[in-house]
Amino acid sequence: MFLRCTTRKKNGKEHRYWSVVENKRCAGHKIAQRHVLYLGELDEQQYLNWETTLKISSPARAPESTQATPNTPELFPAAQPSVGADGKNPVRFDLSQI
């Protein structure tokens, strides 16, 4: 998953709107992109939080031959919320509810 930006001009001002988009591999080795979530306008901190969250929730896939589990922090920890390297909490969401 990744963030996609759409730019639009309104009343002479440029507005940037963000969405979460997912790539899916279909039959015939084609890739289809699916709009998952519309976020609207984001400020700098919100953008960085969403970018961090998507990196955590979408780990790089291991090749088929090596079924190693990726070493990523938990998205929904049980007791204490995990804190990123910069000391800020990323935005949390449940993919099954989207």
Foldseek 3Di string as FASTA:
>chain_A
DDKDWDWDDDPNDIFIWIFDKDWDQDPPRDIDIDTQGTDTGDDPVLNVLARVLVCQVDDDADDPVDRDDDDGDDLDDDPDQDADPVRHGHDGDDSVVD
